[in-house]
Structure formats: C-alpha cells, structure tokens
C-alpha atoms as a PDB file:
ATOM      1  CA  MET A   1     -10.526 -44.561  23.358  1.00  0.00           C
ATOM      2  CA  LYS A   2     -14.144 -44.183  22.723  1.00  0.00           C
ATOM      3  CA  PRO A   3     -16.080 -40.869  22.907  1.00  0.00           C
ATOM      4  CA  ILE A   4     -18.134 -42.026  26.126  1.00  0.00           C
ATOM      5  CA  GLY A   5     -14.700 -42.980  27.543  1.00  0.00           C
ATOM      6  CA  VAL A   6     -13.484 -39.779  26.808  1.00  0.00           C
ATOM      7  CA  LEU A   7     -16.861 -37.792  28.161  1.00  0.00           C
ATOM      8  CA  GLY A   8     -16.231 -40.149  31.638  1.00  0.00           C
ATOM      9  CA  LEU A   9     -12.647 -38.986  31.635  1.00  0.00           C
ATOM     10  CA  ALA A  10     -13.847 -35.485  31.058  1.00  0.00           C
ATOM     11  CA  CYS A  11     -16.481 -35.661  33.509  1.00  0.00           C
ATOM     12  CA  VAL A  12     -13.799 -37.076  36.453  1.00  0.00           C
ATOM     13  CA  VAL A  13     -11.401 -34.544  35.710  1.00  0.00           C
ATOM     14  CA  LEU A  14     -13.908 -31.526  35.928  1.00  0.00           C
ATOM     15  CA  VAL A  15     -15.210 -32.898  38.848  1.00  0.00           C
ATOM     16  CA  SER A  16     -12.115 -33.389  40.892  1.00  0.00           C
ATOM     17  CA  ALA A  17     -10.146 -29.949  40.027  1.00  0.00           C
ATOM     18  CA  SER A  18      -9.456 -28.286  43.130  1.00  0.00           C
ATOM     19  CA  PRO A  19      -9.855 -24.578  43.109  1.00  0.00           C
ATOM     20  CA  ALA A  20      -6.851 -22.643  42.533  1.00  0.00           C
ATOM     21  CA  HIS A  21      -7.581 -19.701  45.231  1.00  0.00           C
ATOM     22  CA  ALA A  22      -5.846 -17.438  42.789  1.00  0.00           C
ATOM     23  CA  TYR A  23      -6.284 -13.788  41.376  1.00  0.00           C
ATOM     24  CA  ILE A  24      -5.923 -12.545  37.754  1.00  0.00           C
ATOM     25  CA  GLY A  25      -5.980  -8.777  38.009  1.00  0.00           C
ATOM     26  CA  PRO A  26      -7.997  -6.773  35.398  1.00  0.00           C
ATOM     27  CA  GLY A  27      -4.561  -5.596  33.948  1.00  0.00           C
ATOM     28  CA  ALA A  28      -3.576  -8.867  33.178  1.00  0.00           C
ATOM     29  CA  GLY A  29      -6.889 -10.302  32.345  1.00  0.00           C
ATOM     30  CA  LEU A  30      -7.185  -7.508  29.438  1.00  0.00           C
ATOM     31  CA  GLY A  31      -3.633  -7.897  28.264  1.00  0.00           C
ATOM     32  CA  ALA A  32      -4.340 -11.456  27.978  1.00  0.00           C
ATOM     33  CA  ILE A  33      -7.479 -11.153  26.052  1.00  0.00           C
ATOM     34  CA  GLY A  34      -5.751  -8.536  24.004  1.00  0.00           C
ATOM     35  CA  ALA A  35      -2.663 -10.667  23.156  1.00  0.00           C
ATOM     36  CA  THR A  36      -5.249 -13.760  22.411  1.00  0.00           C
ATOM     37  CA  ILE A  37      -7.016 -11.298  19.632  1.00  0.00           C
ATOM     38  CA  ALA A  38      -3.778 -10.300  18.379  1.00  0.00           C
ATOM     39  CA  LEU A  39      -2.686 -13.533  17.659  1.00  0.00           C
ATOM     40  CA  VAL A  40      -6.017 -14.118  16.193  1.00  0.00           C
ATOM     41  CA  ILE A  41      -5.435 -11.293  13.834  1.00  0.00           C
ATOM     42  CA  ALA A  42      -1.844 -11.769  12.847  1.00  0.00           C
ATOM     43  CA  VAL A  43      -2.320 -15.829  11.911  1.00  0.00           C
ATOM     44  CA  ILE A  44      -5.565 -14.486   9.690  1.00  0.00           C
ATOM     45  CA  LEU A  45      -2.833 -11.720   8.335  1.00  0.00           C
ATOM     46  CA  LEU A  46      -0.793 -14.605   7.433  1.00  0.00           C
ATOM     47  CA  ILE A  47      -3.039 -16.587   5.877  1.00  0.00           C
ATOM     48  CA  ALA A  48      -4.374 -14.039   3.857  1.00  0.00           C
ATOM     49  CA  GLY A  49      -0.776 -12.917   2.846  1.00  0.00           C
ATOM     50  CA  PHE A  50      -0.382 -16.280   1.385  1.00  0.00           C
ATOM     51  CA  VAL A  51      -3.315 -16.416  -0.210  1.00  0.00           C
ATOM     52  CA  TRP A  52      -3.125 -12.491  -1.638  1.00  0.00           C
ATOM     53  CA  TYR A  53       0.714 -12.649  -3.166  1.00  0.00           C
ATOM     54  CA  PRO A  54       0.109 -15.628  -5.475  1.00  0.00           C
ATOM     55  CA  VAL A  55      -3.336 -14.056  -6.882  1.00  0.00           C
ATOM     56  CA  LYS A  56      -1.780 -10.774  -7.344  1.00  0.00           C
ATOM     57  CA  ARG A  57       1.233 -12.100  -9.519  1.00  0.00           C
ATOM     58  CA  LEU A  58      -1.699 -14.179 -11.238  1.00  0.00           C
ATOM     59  CA  LEU A  59      -3.376 -10.637 -12.100  1.00  0.00           C
ATOM     60  CA  LYS A  60      -0.038  -8.863 -12.692  1.00  0.00           C
ATOM     61  CA  GLY A  61       0.700 -11.182 -15.217  1.00  0.00           C
ATOM     62  CA  ARG A  62      -2.536 -11.524 -16.915  1.00  0.00           C
ATOM     63  CA  LYS A  63      -2.559  -7.240 -17.192  1.00  0.00           C
ATOM     64  CA  SER A  64       1.066  -7.642 -18.343  1.00  0.00           C
ATOM     65  CA  ARG A  65       0.077 -10.332 -21.211  1.00  0.00           C
ATOM     66  CA  SER A  66      -2.793  -7.801 -22.022  1.00  0.00           C
ATOM     67  CA  ASP A  67      -0.753  -5.200 -22.398  1.00  0.00           C
ATOM     68  CA  SER A  68       1.430  -6.706 -24.839  1.00  0.00           C
ATOM     69  CA  GLU A  69      -1.816  -8.006 -27.256  1.00  0.00           C
ATOM     70  CA  ILE A  70      -3.065  -4.061 -27.416  1.00  0.00           C
ATOM     71  CA  GLU A  71       0.597  -3.108 -28.088  1.00  0.00           C
ATOM     72  CA  LYS A  72       0.885  -5.459 -30.847  1.00  0.00           C
ATOM     73  CA  ALA A  73      -2.799  -4.774 -31.984  1.00  0.00           C
ATOM     74  CA  PRO A  74      -2.493  -2.510 -35.822  1.00  0.00           C
ATOM     75  CA  ASP A  75      -5.599  -0.144 -34.459  1.00  0.00           C
ATOM     76  CA  GLY A  76      -3.877   0.465 -31.019  1.00  0.00           C
ATOM     77  CA  PRO A  77      -5.982   0.135 -28.037  1.00  0.00           C
ATOM     78  CA  GLU A  78      -9.407   0.809 -27.758  1.00  0.00           C
ATOM     79  CA  SER A  79      -9.463   3.636 -25.081  1.00  0.00           C
ATOM     80  CA  ASP A  80      -7.965   5.832 -27.755  1.00  0.00           C
ATOM     81  CA  LYS A  81     -10.915   5.577 -30.149  1.00  0.00           C
ATOM     82  CA  PRO A  82     -13.525   8.181 -29.957  1.00  0.00           C
ATOM     83  CA  ARG A  83     -17.128   7.060 -29.505  1.00  0.00           C
END
C-alpha cells in the first residue's frame, strides 16, 4: 500500500470513530500505567541479562587465564614486590 493510502486510511478511521462512552477510573489508569512501566523495565533487564552473561563469562575467563599466567611466572605476582 502506498504511504498516501495508509495516511488516508488512518484519517478516515480517526474521523469516523465514535466515542466509547466509557470511563476508566484513576485506579485502573494508574494500574495500566504501572503495568506498562513494569513490562518495559522487565524487557530492558531481560536484554541486559542476555548481554551481561556472556560478557561476565568472557571477563572471568580472561581473569582466570591471567591468574594462571602469574602463577607460572618465576617471580610471582607483581603486587608482592616492594616498590
């Protein structure tokens, strides 16, 4: 469908819509807003968890490799040497 056709169809639907004669009280409205905010935060945390877990494993693997290299070094860790 052409963009002008979609815009025209949207205008026709908006103009021809009739009022619902419905009332949503403040409790239901705040509940809907709270549920929407909670859903958005849950999706953000879900994405962050999927991104963070592989990064955490990568950093842990890198740290354990560097620890094993320090143990193999003849002088030991650099932090034990006096400055």
